[in-house]
Amino acid sequence: AITAGDSYPNTHTMSGKDAKSAAIKQSSKQKKKKWSKGKSKDKVNHAVKFDEKTWEKFKADMPKAKCITPSTVCERMKISVSLARAALRELVATGAIRQVMHHHAQCIFTRATAAE
């Protein structure tokens, strides 16, 4: 136990400048942090034109789906979104699907039912 007459030992033997330079030397000896390159997404190569096989598959499969958006068509058919939008407009014109909601960024379609 420390009594009133005892003094605390001097733990700070270096001056402020020496302590700072020692800390800098110590930190420079540590390994530098290596930054990761980040996760990169693979570039997808979607078609920008329909070939006969893809167009027939599109006309057969899409009217059967419950929820149809240009994004889902793009993923399923491996076509560009602008091509998917144009193709969906074509299906609406023929009556194979109907539009549920239109927003400036996204349109949602569904299959045409017999009740209409």
PDB file of N, CA and C in Angstrom:
ATOM      1  N   ALA A   1       0.842  -1.190   0.000  1.00  0.00           N
ATOM      2  CA  ALA A   1       0.000   0.000   0.000  1.00  0.00           C
ATOM      3  C   ALA A   1       0.872   1.232   0.000  1.00  0.00           C
ATOM      4  N   ILE A   2       0.369   2.280  -0.612  1.00  0.00           N
ATOM      5  CA  ILE A   2       1.118   3.527  -0.715  1.00  0.00           C
ATOM      6  C   ILE A   2       0.642   4.438   0.403  1.00  0.00           C
ATOM      7  N   THR A   3       1.612   4.972   1.116  1.00  0.00           N
ATOM      8  CA  THR A   3       1.278   5.881   2.208  1.00  0.00           C
ATOM      9  C   THR A   3       1.418   7.312   1.724  1.00  0.00           C
ATOM     10  N   ALA A   4       1.081   8.247   2.571  1.00  0.00           N
ATOM     11  CA  ALA A   4       1.072   9.651   2.186  1.00  0.00           C
ATOM     12  C   ALA A   4       2.457  10.151   1.814  1.00  0.00           C
ATOM     13  N   GLY A   5       3.506   9.604   2.384  1.00  0.00           N
ATOM     14  CA  GLY A   5       4.859  10.097   2.122  1.00  0.00           C
ATOM     15  C   GLY A   5       5.455   9.518   0.853  1.00  0.00           C
ATOM     16  N   ASP A   6       4.929   8.389   0.385  1.00  0.00           N
ATOM     17  CA  ASP A   6       5.498   7.755  -0.813  1.00  0.00           C
ATOM     18  C   ASP A   6       5.108   8.537  -2.065  1.00  0.00           C
ATOM     19  N   SER A   7       6.003   8.527  -3.024  1.00  0.00           N
ATOM     20  CA  SER A   7       5.667   9.152  -4.301  1.00  0.00           C
ATOM     21  C   SER A   7       5.497   8.047  -5.351  1.00  0.00           C
ATOM     22  N   TYR A   8       4.732   8.336  -6.360  1.00  0.00           N
ATOM     23  CA  TYR A   8       4.517   7.356  -7.417  1.00  0.00           C
ATOM     24  C   TYR A   8       5.773   7.256  -8.262  1.00  0.00           C
ATOM     25  N   PRO A   9       6.077   6.066  -8.760  1.00  0.00           N
ATOM     26  CA  PRO A   9       7.262   5.950  -9.620  1.00  0.00           C
ATOM     27  C   PRO A   9       7.021   6.672 -10.946  1.00  0.00           C
ATOM     28  N   ASN A  10       8.116   7.212 -11.501  1.00  0.00           N
ATOM     29  CA  ASN A  10       8.011   7.963 -12.750  1.00  0.00           C
ATOM     30  C   ASN A  10       7.968   6.968 -13.911  1.00  0.00           C
ATOM     31  N   THR A  11       6.795   6.768 -14.489  1.00  0.00           N
ATOM     32  CA  THR A  11       6.655   5.834 -15.607  1.00  0.00           C
ATOM     33  C   THR A  11       6.912   6.541 -16.935  1.00  0.00           C
ATOM     34  N   HIS A  12       6.951   7.821 -16.908  1.00  0.00           N
ATOM     35  CA  HIS A  12       7.120   8.596 -18.129  1.00  0.00           C
ATOM     36  C   HIS A  12       8.549   9.123 -18.182  1.00  0.00           C
ATOM     37  N   THR A  13       9.495   8.215 -18.491  1.00  0.00           N
ATOM     38  CA  THR A  13      10.909   8.602 -18.458  1.00  0.00           C
ATOM     39  C   THR A  13      11.326   9.354 -19.712  1.00  0.00           C
ATOM     40  N   MET A  14      10.630   9.130 -20.835  1.00  0.00           N
ATOM     41  CA  MET A  14      11.003   9.827 -22.072  1.00  0.00           C
ATOM     42  C   MET A  14      10.290  11.171 -22.151  1.00  0.00           C
ATOM     43  N   SER A  15      10.927  12.090 -22.844  1.00  0.00           N
ATOM     44  CA  SER A  15      10.264  13.377 -23.050  1.00  0.00           C
ATOM     45  C   SER A  15       9.207  13.189 -24.136  1.00  0.00           C
ATOM     46  N   GLY A  16       8.369  14.170 -24.335  1.00  0.00           N
ATOM     47  CA  GLY A  16       7.277  14.070 -25.302  1.00  0.00           C
ATOM     48  C   GLY A  16       7.774  13.821 -26.719  1.00  0.00           C
ATOM     49  N   LYS A  17       8.873  14.506 -27.127  1.00  0.00           N
ATOM     50  CA  LYS A  17       9.404  14.353 -28.476  1.00  0.00           C
ATOM     51  C   LYS A  17       9.956  12.947 -28.686  1.00  0.00           C
ATOM     52  N   ASP A  18      10.695  12.456 -27.695  1.00  0.00           N
ATOM     53  CA  ASP A  18      11.286  11.117 -27.817  1.00  0.00           C
ATOM     54  C   ASP A  18      10.205  10.036 -27.871  1.00  0.00           C
ATOM     55  N   ALA A  19       9.170  10.208 -27.079  1.00  0.00           N
ATOM     56  CA  ALA A  19       8.078   9.227 -27.063  1.00  0.00           C
ATOM     57  C   ALA A  19       7.371   9.209 -28.412  1.00  0.00           C
ATOM     58  N   LYS A  20       7.193  10.388 -28.992  1.00  0.00           N
ATOM     59  CA  LYS A  20       6.513  10.488 -30.280  1.00  0.00           C
ATOM     60  C   LYS A  20       7.349   9.825 -31.381  1.00  0.00           C
ATOM     61  N   SER A  21       8.640  10.073 -31.402  1.00  0.00           N
ATOM     62  CA  SER A  21       9.500   9.480 -32.432  1.00  0.00           C
ATOM     63  C   SER A  21       9.597   7.969 -32.242  1.00  0.00           C
ATOM     64  N   ALA A  22       9.583   7.505 -31.002  1.00  0.00           N
ATOM     65  CA  ALA A  22       9.613   6.063 -30.756  1.00  0.00           C
ATOM     66  C   ALA A  22       8.322   5.413 -31.240  1.00  0.00           C
ATOM     67  N   ALA A  23       7.211   6.086 -31.057  1.00  0.00           N
ATOM     68  CA  ALA A  23       5.922   5.558 -31.501  1.00  0.00           C
ATOM     69  C   ALA A  23       5.873   5.500 -33.029  1.00  0.00           C
ATOM     70  N   ILE A  24       6.443   6.500 -33.687  1.00  0.00           N
ATOM     71  CA  ILE A  24       6.468   6.510 -35.151  1.00  0.00           C
ATOM     72  C   ILE A  24       7.339   5.375 -35.675  1.00  0.00           C
ATOM     73  N   LYS A  25       8.499   5.163 -35.034  1.00  0.00           N
ATOM     74  CA  LYS A  25       9.382   4.061 -35.448  1.00  0.00           C
ATOM     75  C   LYS A  25       8.692   2.716 -35.253  1.00  0.00           C
ATOM     76  N   GLN A  26       8.013   2.579 -34.128  1.00  0.00           N
ATOM     77  CA  GLN A  26       7.322   1.317 -33.833  1.00  0.00           C
ATOM     78  C   GLN A  26       6.202   1.062 -34.856  1.00  0.00           C
ATOM     79  N   SER A  27       5.460   2.113 -35.213  1.00  0.00           N
ATOM     80  CA  SER A  27       4.346   1.919 -36.147  1.00  0.00           C
ATOM     81  C   SER A  27       4.857   1.633 -37.553  1.00  0.00           C
ATOM     82  N   SER A  28       6.008   2.169 -37.921  1.00  0.00           N
ATOM     83  CA  SER A  28       6.527   1.920 -39.265  1.00  0.00           C
ATOM     84  C   SER A  28       7.044   0.495 -39.402  1.00  0.00           C
ATOM     85  N   LYS A  29       7.371  -0.161 -38.292  1.00  0.00           N
ATOM     86  CA  LYS A  29       7.838  -1.544 -38.343  1.00  0.00           C
ATOM     87  C   LYS A  29       6.682  -2.518 -38.565  1.00  0.00           C
ATOM     88  N   GLN A  30       5.453  -2.085 -38.226  1.00  0.00           N
ATOM     89  CA  GLN A  30       4.301  -2.961 -38.400  1.00  0.00           C
ATOM     90  C   GLN A  30       3.980  -3.089 -39.879  1.00  0.00           C
ATOM     91  N   LYS A  31       3.320  -4.188 -40.228  1.00  0.00           N
ATOM     92  CA  LYS A  31       2.947  -4.398 -41.629  1.00  0.00           C
ATOM     93  C   LYS A  31       1.870  -3.399 -42.029  1.00  0.00           C
ATOM     94  N   LYS A  32       2.016  -2.876 -43.227  1.00  0.00           N
ATOM     95  CA  LYS A  32       1.012  -1.953 -43.744  1.00  0.00           C
ATOM     96  C   LYS A  32      -0.245  -2.728 -44.110  1.00  0.00           C
ATOM     97  N   LYS A  33      -1.391  -2.098 -43.961  1.00  0.00           N
ATOM     98  CA  LYS A  33      -2.659  -2.749 -44.297  1.00  0.00           C
ATOM     99  C   LYS A  33      -2.782  -2.846 -45.803  1.00  0.00           C
ATOM    100  N   LYS A  34      -3.125  -4.032 -46.272  1.00  0.00           N
ATOM    101  CA  LYS A  34      -3.311  -4.222 -47.704  1.00  0.00           C
ATOM    102  C   LYS A  34      -4.788  -4.044 -48.018  1.00  0.00           C
ATOM    103  N   TRP A  35      -5.096  -3.129 -48.909  1.00  0.00           N
ATOM    104  CA  TRP A  35      -6.470  -2.860 -49.270  1.00  0.00           C
ATOM    105  C   TRP A  35      -6.918  -3.865 -50.313  1.00  0.00           C
ATOM    106  N   SER A  36      -8.116  -4.364 -50.126  1.00  0.00           N
ATOM    107  CA  SER A  36      -8.641  -5.312 -51.109  1.00  0.00           C
ATOM    108  C   SER A  36      -9.088  -4.546 -52.350  1.00  0.00           C
ATOM    109  N   LYS A  37      -9.137  -5.224 -53.449  1.00  0.00           N
ATOM    110  CA  LYS A  37      -9.535  -4.585 -54.701  1.00  0.00           C
ATOM    111  C   LYS A  37     -11.039  -4.363 -54.763  1.00  0.00           C
ATOM    112  N   GLY A  38     -11.776  -4.931 -53.822  1.00  0.00           N
ATOM    113  CA  GLY A  38     -13.232  -4.801 -53.830  1.00  0.00           C
ATOM    114  C   GLY A  38     -13.831  -5.917 -54.658  1.00  0.00           C
ATOM    115  N   LYS A  39     -15.080  -6.177 -54.415  1.00  0.00           N
ATOM    116  CA  LYS A  39     -15.749  -7.241 -55.153  1.00  0.00           C
ATOM    117  C   LYS A  39     -16.191  -6.700 -56.502  1.00  0.00           C
ATOM    118  N   SER A  40     -15.752  -7.333 -57.552  1.00  0.00           N
ATOM    119  CA  SER A  40     -16.138  -6.889 -58.881  1.00  0.00           C
ATOM    120  C   SER A  40     -17.134  -7.877 -59.469  1.00  0.00           C
ATOM    121  N   LYS A  41     -18.133  -7.333 -60.091  1.00  0.00           N
ATOM    122  CA  LYS A  41     -19.176  -8.152 -60.684  1.00  0.00           C
ATOM    123  C   LYS A  41     -18.754  -8.501 -62.107  1.00  0.00           C
ATOM    124  N   ASP A  42     -18.983  -9.736 -62.493  1.00  0.00           N
ATOM    125  CA  ASP A  42     -18.635 -10.144 -63.852  1.00  0.00           C
ATOM    126  C   ASP A  42     -19.505  -9.399 -64.863  1.00  0.00           C
ATOM    127  N   LYS A  43     -18.890  -8.989 -65.924  1.00  0.00           N
ATOM    128  CA  LYS A  43     -19.608  -8.270 -66.977  1.00  0.00           C
ATOM    129  C   LYS A  43     -20.488  -9.265 -67.721  1.00  0.00           C
ATOM    130  N   VAL A  44     -21.774  -8.969 -67.768  1.00  0.00           N
ATOM    131  CA  VAL A  44     -22.694  -9.859 -68.468  1.00  0.00           C
ATOM    132  C   VAL A  44     -22.809  -9.414 -69.918  1.00  0.00           C
ATOM    133  N   ASN A  45     -22.970 -10.375 -70.773  1.00  0.00           N
ATOM    134  CA  ASN A  45     -23.047 -10.085 -72.192  1.00  0.00           C
ATOM    135  C   ASN A  45     -24.427 -10.486 -72.690  1.00  0.00           C
ATOM    136  N   HIS A  46     -25.420  -9.623 -72.458  1.00  0.00           N
ATOM    137  CA  HIS A  46     -26.788  -9.911 -72.866  1.00  0.00           C
ATOM    138  C   HIS A  46     -26.996  -9.542 -74.333  1.00  0.00           C
ATOM    139  N   ALA A  47     -27.895 -10.275 -74.951  1.00  0.00           N
ATOM    140  CA  ALA A  47     -28.194 -10.033 -76.359  1.00  0.00           C
ATOM    141  C   ALA A  47     -28.958  -8.724 -76.526  1.00  0.00           C
ATOM    142  N   VAL A  48     -28.715  -8.031 -77.611  1.00  0.00           N
ATOM    143  CA  VAL A  48     -29.423  -6.782 -77.894  1.00  0.00           C
ATOM    144  C   VAL A  48     -30.416  -6.947 -79.044  1.00  0.00           C
ATOM    145  N   LYS A  49     -30.442  -8.138 -79.620  1.00  0.00           N
ATOM    146  CA  LYS A  49     -31.419  -8.464 -80.658  1.00  0.00           C
ATOM    147  C   LYS A  49     -31.941  -9.866 -80.382  1.00  0.00           C
ATOM    148  N   PHE A  50     -33.196 -10.099 -80.756  1.00  0.00           N
ATOM    149  CA  PHE A  50     -33.759 -11.435 -80.619  1.00  0.00           C
ATOM    150  C   PHE A  50     -33.297 -12.312 -81.781  1.00  0.00           C
ATOM    151  N   ASP A  51     -32.909 -13.538 -81.489  1.00  0.00           N
ATOM    152  CA  ASP A  51     -32.795 -14.514 -82.557  1.00  0.00           C
ATOM    153  C   ASP A  51     -34.099 -15.323 -82.534  1.00  0.00           C
ATOM    154  N   GLU A  52     -34.317 -16.137 -83.532  1.00  0.00           N
ATOM    155  CA  GLU A  52     -35.600 -16.834 -83.685  1.00  0.00           C
ATOM    156  C   GLU A  52     -35.919 -17.723 -82.477  1.00  0.00           C
ATOM    157  N   LYS A  53     -34.908 -18.423 -81.995  1.00  0.00           N
ATOM    158  CA  LYS A  53     -35.100 -19.357 -80.867  1.00  0.00           C
ATOM    159  C   LYS A  53     -35.500 -18.606 -79.588  1.00  0.00           C
ATOM    160  N   THR A  54     -34.805 -17.524 -79.290  1.00  0.00           N
ATOM    161  CA  THR A  54     -35.087 -16.748 -78.070  1.00  0.00           C
ATOM    162  C   THR A  54     -36.460 -16.088 -78.155  1.00  0.00           C
ATOM    163  N   TRP A  55     -36.827 -15.584 -79.331  1.00  0.00           N
ATOM    164  CA  TRP A  55     -38.126 -14.929 -79.496  1.00  0.00           C
ATOM    165  C   TRP A  55     -39.263 -15.922 -79.273  1.00  0.00           C
ATOM    166  N   GLU A  56     -39.120 -17.128 -79.815  1.00  0.00           N
ATOM    167  CA  GLU A  56     -40.158 -18.152 -79.625  1.00  0.00           C
ATOM    168  C   GLU A  56     -40.250 -18.558 -78.155  1.00  0.00           C
ATOM    169  N   LYS A  57     -39.108 -18.691 -77.503  1.00  0.00           N
ATOM    170  CA  LYS A  57     -39.088 -19.039 -76.072  1.00  0.00           C
ATOM    171  C   LYS A  57     -39.744 -17.924 -75.254  1.00  0.00           C
ATOM    172  N   PHE A  58     -39.452 -16.678 -75.620  1.00  0.00           N
ATOM    173  CA  PHE A  58     -40.032 -15.527 -74.931  1.00  0.00           C
ATOM    174  C   PHE A  58     -41.553 -15.527 -75.067  1.00  0.00           C
ATOM    175  N   LYS A  59     -42.046 -15.709 -76.301  1.00  0.00           N
ATOM    176  CA  LYS A  59     -43.493 -15.694 -76.538  1.00  0.00           C
ATOM    177  C   LYS A  59     -44.195 -16.863 -75.852  1.00  0.00           C
ATOM    178  N   ALA A  60     -43.505 -17.971 -75.665  1.00  0.00           N
ATOM    179  CA  ALA A  60     -44.105 -19.141 -75.023  1.00  0.00           C
ATOM    180  C   ALA A  60     -44.076 -19.035 -73.488  1.00  0.00           C
ATOM    181  N   ASP A  61     -42.972 -18.573 -72.935  1.00  0.00           N
ATOM    182  CA  ASP A  61     -42.790 -18.605 -71.474  1.00  0.00           C
ATOM    183  C   ASP A  61     -43.364 -17.400 -70.740  1.00  0.00           C
ATOM    184  N   MET A  62     -43.196 -16.214 -71.273  1.00  0.00           N
ATOM    185  CA  MET A  62     -43.551 -15.009 -70.526  1.00  0.00           C
ATOM    186  C   MET A  62     -45.050 -14.873 -70.239  1.00  0.00           C
ATOM    187  N   PRO A  63     -45.953 -15.196 -71.162  1.00  0.00           N
ATOM    188  CA  PRO A  63     -47.374 -15.055 -70.830  1.00  0.00           C
ATOM    189  C   PRO A  63     -47.836 -15.999 -69.710  1.00  0.00           C
ATOM    190  N   LYS A  64     -47.040 -16.994 -69.355  1.00  0.00           N
ATOM    191  CA  LYS A  64     -47.409 -17.937 -68.292  1.00  0.00           C
ATOM    192  C   LYS A  64     -46.963 -17.466 -66.909  1.00  0.00           C
ATOM    193  N   ALA A  65     -46.065 -16.513 -66.853  1.00  0.00           N
ATOM    194  CA  ALA A  65     -45.524 -16.053 -65.567  1.00  0.00           C
ATOM    195  C   ALA A  65     -46.531 -15.152 -64.857  1.00  0.00           C
ATOM    196  N   LYS A  66     -46.513 -15.210 -63.513  1.00  0.00           N
ATOM    197  CA  LYS A  66     -47.448 -14.381 -62.738  1.00  0.00           C
ATOM    198  C   LYS A  66     -47.002 -12.923 -62.691  1.00  0.00           C
ATOM    199  N   CYS A  67     -45.741 -12.721 -62.354  1.00  0.00           N
ATOM    200  CA  CYS A  67     -45.212 -11.355 -62.239  1.00  0.00           C
ATOM    201  C   CYS A  67     -44.118 -11.185 -63.291  1.00  0.00           C
ATOM    202  N   ILE A  68     -44.323 -10.250 -64.199  1.00  0.00           N
ATOM    203  CA  ILE A  68     -43.379 -10.042 -65.295  1.00  0.00           C
ATOM    204  C   ILE A  68     -42.883  -8.604 -65.232  1.00  0.00           C
ATOM    205  N   THR A  69     -41.591  -8.438 -65.126  1.00  0.00           N
ATOM    206  CA  THR A  69     -40.975  -7.110 -65.195  1.00  0.00           C
ATOM    207  C   THR A  69     -39.843  -7.177 -66.208  1.00  0.00           C
ATOM    208  N   PRO A  70     -39.409  -6.046 -66.726  1.00  0.00           N
ATOM    209  CA  PRO A  70     -38.267  -6.074 -67.641  1.00  0.00           C
ATOM    210  C   PRO A  70     -37.017  -6.700 -67.003  1.00  0.00           C
ATOM    211  N   SER A  71     -36.856  -6.520 -65.699  1.00  0.00           N
ATOM    212  CA  SER A  71     -35.693  -7.084 -65.016  1.00  0.00           C
ATOM    213  C   SER A  71     -35.729  -8.607 -65.009  1.00  0.00           C
ATOM    214  N   THR A  72     -36.902  -9.175 -64.716  1.00  0.00           N
ATOM    215  CA  THR A  72     -36.992 -10.636 -64.688  1.00  0.00           C
ATOM    216  C   THR A  72     -36.823 -11.224 -66.083  1.00  0.00           C
ATOM    217  N   VAL A  73     -37.354 -10.547 -67.085  1.00  0.00           N
ATOM    218  CA  VAL A  73     -37.185 -11.012 -68.470  1.00  0.00           C
ATOM    219  C   VAL A  73     -35.707 -10.973 -68.846  1.00  0.00           C
ATOM    220  N   CYS A  74     -35.034  -9.913 -68.451  1.00  0.00           N
ATOM    221  CA  CYS A  74     -33.611  -9.751 -68.729  1.00  0.00           C
ATOM    222  C   CYS A  74     -32.808 -10.901 -68.129  1.00  0.00           C
ATOM    223  N   GLU A  75     -33.110 -11.254 -66.876  1.00  0.00           N
ATOM    224  CA  GLU A  75     -32.394 -12.337 -66.203  1.00  0.00           C
ATOM    225  C   GLU A  75     -32.685 -13.692 -66.826  1.00  0.00           C
ATOM    226  N   ARG A  76     -33.933 -13.962 -67.106  1.00  0.00           N
ATOM    227  CA  ARG A  76     -34.318 -15.285 -67.624  1.00  0.00           C
ATOM    228  C   ARG A  76     -33.847 -15.518 -69.046  1.00  0.00           C
ATOM    229  N   MET A  77     -34.024 -14.509 -69.905  1.00  0.00           N
ATOM    230  CA  MET A  77     -33.753 -14.688 -71.329  1.00  0.00           C
ATOM    231  C   MET A  77     -32.345 -14.260 -71.738  1.00  0.00           C
ATOM    232  N   LYS A  78     -31.612 -13.648 -70.817  1.00  0.00           N
ATOM    233  CA  LYS A  78     -30.263 -13.130 -71.106  1.00  0.00           C
ATOM    234  C   LYS A  78     -30.293 -12.129 -72.265  1.00  0.00           C
ATOM    235  N   ILE A  79     -31.246 -11.192 -72.162  1.00  0.00           N
ATOM    236  CA  ILE A  79     -31.355 -10.120 -73.142  1.00  0.00           C
ATOM    237  C   ILE A  79     -31.215  -8.791 -72.412  1.00  0.00           C
ATOM    238  N   SER A  80     -30.980  -7.717 -73.136  1.00  0.00           N
ATOM    239  CA  SER A  80     -30.840  -6.413 -72.502  1.00  0.00           C
ATOM    240  C   SER A  80     -32.212  -5.936 -72.007  1.00  0.00           C
ATOM    241  N   VAL A  81     -32.202  -5.041 -71.046  1.00  0.00           N
ATOM    242  CA  VAL A  81     -33.449  -4.556 -70.463  1.00  0.00           C
ATOM    243  C   VAL A  81     -34.246  -3.726 -71.477  1.00  0.00           C
ATOM    244  N   SER A  82     -33.557  -2.970 -72.311  1.00  0.00           N
ATOM    245  CA  SER A  82     -34.276  -2.171 -73.310  1.00  0.00           C
ATOM    246  C   SER A  82     -34.985  -3.079 -74.316  1.00  0.00           C
ATOM    247  N   LEU A  83     -34.362  -4.198 -74.674  1.00  0.00           N
ATOM    248  CA  LEU A  83     -35.001  -5.161 -75.562  1.00  0.00           C
ATOM    249  C   LEU A  83     -36.185  -5.827 -74.861  1.00  0.00           C
ATOM    250  N   ALA A  84     -36.034  -6.096 -73.566  1.00  0.00           N
ATOM    251  CA  ALA A  84     -37.119  -6.702 -72.785  1.00  0.00           C
ATOM    252  C   ALA A  84     -38.321  -5.764 -72.712  1.00  0.00           C
ATOM    253  N   ARG A  85     -38.093  -4.463 -72.518  1.00  0.00           N
ATOM    254  CA  ARG A  85     -39.191  -3.491 -72.461  1.00  0.00           C
ATOM    255  C   ARG A  85     -39.952  -3.453 -73.786  1.00  0.00           C
ATOM    256  N   ALA A  86     -39.216  -3.431 -74.876  1.00  0.00           N
ATOM    257  CA  ALA A  86     -39.847  -3.387 -76.193  1.00  0.00           C
ATOM    258  C   ALA A  86     -40.647  -4.666 -76.456  1.00  0.00           C
ATOM    259  N   ALA A  87     -40.112  -5.811 -76.063  1.00  0.00           N
ATOM    260  CA  ALA A  87     -40.793  -7.086 -76.276  1.00  0.00           C
ATOM    261  C   ALA A  87     -42.051  -7.185 -75.414  1.00  0.00           C
ATOM    262  N   LEU A  88     -41.992  -6.659 -74.197  1.00  0.00           N
ATOM    263  CA  LEU A  88     -43.173  -6.674 -73.323  1.00  0.00           C
ATOM    264  C   LEU A  88     -44.269  -5.772 -73.885  1.00  0.00           C
ATOM    265  N   ARG A  89     -43.907  -4.642 -74.470  1.00  0.00           N
ATOM    266  CA  ARG A  89     -44.901  -3.785 -75.119  1.00  0.00           C
ATOM    267  C   ARG A  89     -45.574  -4.524 -76.274  1.00  0.00           C
ATOM    268  N   GLU A  90     -44.795  -5.327 -76.966  1.00  0.00           N
ATOM    269  CA  GLU A  90     -45.328  -6.126 -78.075  1.00  0.00           C
ATOM    270  C   GLU A  90     -46.354  -7.145 -77.562  1.00  0.00           C
ATOM    271  N   LEU A  91     -46.042  -7.788 -76.418  1.00  0.00           N
ATOM    272  CA  LEU A  91     -46.974  -8.771 -75.854  1.00  0.00           C
ATOM    273  C   LEU A  91     -48.245  -8.102 -75.333  1.00  0.00           C
ATOM    274  N   VAL A  92     -48.131  -6.888 -74.820  1.00  0.00           N
ATOM    275  CA  VAL A  92     -49.317  -6.154 -74.358  1.00  0.00           C
ATOM    276  C   VAL A  92     -50.197  -5.821 -75.558  1.00  0.00           C
ATOM    277  N   ALA A  93     -49.577  -5.432 -76.658  1.00  0.00           N
ATOM    278  CA  ALA A  93     -50.336  -5.075 -77.859  1.00  0.00           C
ATOM    279  C   ALA A  93     -51.099  -6.275 -78.421  1.00  0.00           C
ATOM    280  N   THR A  94     -50.505  -7.469 -78.317  1.00  0.00           N
ATOM    281  CA  THR A  94     -51.188  -8.668 -78.827  1.00  0.00           C
ATOM    282  C   THR A  94     -52.200  -9.223 -77.824  1.00  0.00           C
ATOM    283  N   GLY A  95     -52.139  -8.744 -76.570  1.00  0.00           N
ATOM    284  CA  GLY A  95     -53.089  -9.193 -75.555  1.00  0.00           C
ATOM    285  C   GLY A  95     -52.646 -10.431 -74.791  1.00  0.00           C
ATOM    286  N   ALA A  96     -51.404 -10.829 -74.949  1.00  0.00           N
ATOM    287  CA  ALA A  96     -50.908 -12.018 -74.244  1.00  0.00           C
ATOM    288  C   ALA A  96     -50.688 -11.739 -72.756  1.00  0.00           C
ATOM    289  N   ILE A  97     -50.311 -10.504 -72.421  1.00  0.00           N
ATOM    290  CA  ILE A  97     -50.133 -10.098 -71.019  1.00  0.00           C
ATOM    291  C   ILE A  97     -50.834  -8.761 -70.829  1.00  0.00           C
ATOM    292  N   ARG A  98     -51.027  -8.380 -69.560  1.00  0.00           N
ATOM    293  CA  ARG A  98     -51.623  -7.065 -69.302  1.00  0.00           C
ATOM    294  C   ARG A  98     -50.755  -6.309 -68.301  1.00  0.00           C
ATOM    295  N   GLN A  99     -50.827  -4.994 -68.390  1.00  0.00           N
ATOM    296  CA  GLN A  99     -50.011  -4.153 -67.517  1.00  0.00           C
ATOM    297  C   GLN A  99     -50.751  -3.921 -66.203  1.00  0.00           C
ATOM    298  N   VAL A 100     -50.044  -4.146 -65.092  1.00  0.00           N
ATOM    299  CA  VAL A 100     -50.626  -3.944 -63.761  1.00  0.00           C
ATOM    300  C   VAL A 100     -50.306  -2.545 -63.266  1.00  0.00           C
ATOM    301  N   MET A 101     -49.037  -2.152 -63.394  1.00  0.00           N
ATOM    302  CA  MET A 101     -48.607  -0.859 -62.872  1.00  0.00           C
ATOM    303  C   MET A 101     -47.559  -0.263 -63.795  1.00  0.00           C
ATOM    304  N   HIS A 102     -47.616   1.050 -63.960  1.00  0.00           N
ATOM    305  CA  HIS A 102     -46.607   1.740 -64.756  1.00  0.00           C
ATOM    306  C   HIS A 102     -45.991   2.833 -63.902  1.00  0.00           C
ATOM    307  N   HIS A 103     -44.684   2.816 -63.827  1.00  0.00           N
ATOM    308  CA  HIS A 103     -43.927   3.823 -63.110  1.00  0.00           C
ATOM    309  C   HIS A 103     -42.833   4.278 -64.062  1.00  0.00           C
ATOM    310  N   HIS A 104     -42.289   5.456 -63.863  1.00  0.00           N
ATOM    311  CA  HIS A 104     -41.293   5.929 -64.827  1.00  0.00           C
ATOM    312  C   HIS A 104     -40.048   5.048 -64.849  1.00  0.00           C
ATOM    313  N   ALA A 105     -39.796   4.324 -63.760  1.00  0.00           N
ATOM    314  CA  ALA A 105     -38.594   3.498 -63.714  1.00  0.00           C
ATOM    315  C   ALA A 105     -38.870   2.027 -64.008  1.00  0.00           C
ATOM    316  N   GLN A 106     -40.064   1.553 -63.695  1.00  0.00           N
ATOM    317  CA  GLN A 106     -40.341   0.119 -63.816  1.00  0.00           C
ATOM    318  C   GLN A 106     -41.812  -0.113 -64.138  1.00  0.00           C
ATOM    319  N   CYS A 107     -42.074  -1.105 -64.965  1.00  0.00           N
ATOM    320  CA  CYS A 107     -43.444  -1.513 -65.277  1.00  0.00           C
ATOM    321  C   CYS A 107     -43.633  -2.941 -64.797  1.00  0.00           C
ATOM    322  N   ILE A 108     -44.814  -3.230 -64.303  1.00  0.00           N
ATOM    323  CA  ILE A 108     -45.120  -4.582 -63.854  1.00  0.00           C
ATOM    324  C   ILE A 108     -46.277  -5.103 -64.693  1.00  0.00           C
ATOM    325  N   PHE A 109     -46.092  -6.305 -65.185  1.00  0.00           N
ATOM    326  CA  PHE A 109     -47.111  -6.962 -66.015  1.00  0.00           C
ATOM    327  C   PHE A 109     -47.509  -8.282 -65.381  1.00  0.00           C
ATOM    328  N   THR A 110     -48.631  -8.822 -65.806  1.00  0.00           N
ATOM    329  CA  THR A 110     -49.051 -10.147 -65.382  1.00  0.00           C
ATOM    330  C   THR A 110     -49.702 -10.837 -66.567  1.00  0.00           C
ATOM    331  N   ARG A 111     -49.950 -12.114 -66.392  1.00  0.00           N
ATOM    332  CA  ARG A 111     -50.552 -12.850 -67.503  1.00  0.00           C
ATOM    333  C   ARG A 111     -51.986 -12.408 -67.706  1.00  0.00           C
ATOM    334  N   ALA A 112     -52.446 -12.482 -68.915  1.00  0.00           N
ATOM    335  CA  ALA A 112     -53.835 -12.110 -69.224  1.00  0.00           C
ATOM    336  C   ALA A 112     -54.736 -13.272 -68.830  1.00  0.00           C
ATOM    337  N   THR A 113     -55.777 -12.963 -68.055  1.00  0.00           N
ATOM    338  CA  THR A 113     -56.703 -14.022 -67.621  1.00  0.00           C
ATOM    339  C   THR A 113     -57.936 -14.008 -68.502  1.00  0.00           C
ATOM    340  N   ALA A 114     -58.686 -15.100 -68.442  1.00  0.00           N
ATOM    341  CA  ALA A 114     -59.881 -15.232 -69.288  1.00  0.00           C
ATOM    342  C   ALA A 114     -61.008 -14.306 -68.838  1.00  0.00           C
ATOM    343  N   ALA A 115     -60.984 -13.829 -67.573  1.00  0.00           N
ATOM    344  CA  ALA A 115     -62.057 -12.987 -67.025  1.00  0.00           C
ATOM    345  C   ALA A 115     -62.078 -11.611 -67.672  1.00  0.00           C
ATOM    346  N   GLU A 116     -61.006 -11.219 -68.318  1.00  0.00           N
ATOM    347  CA  GLU A 116     -60.957  -9.859 -68.885  1.00  0.00           C
ATOM    348  C   GLU A 116     -61.779  -9.728 -70.128  1.00  0.00           C
TER     349      GLU A 116
END
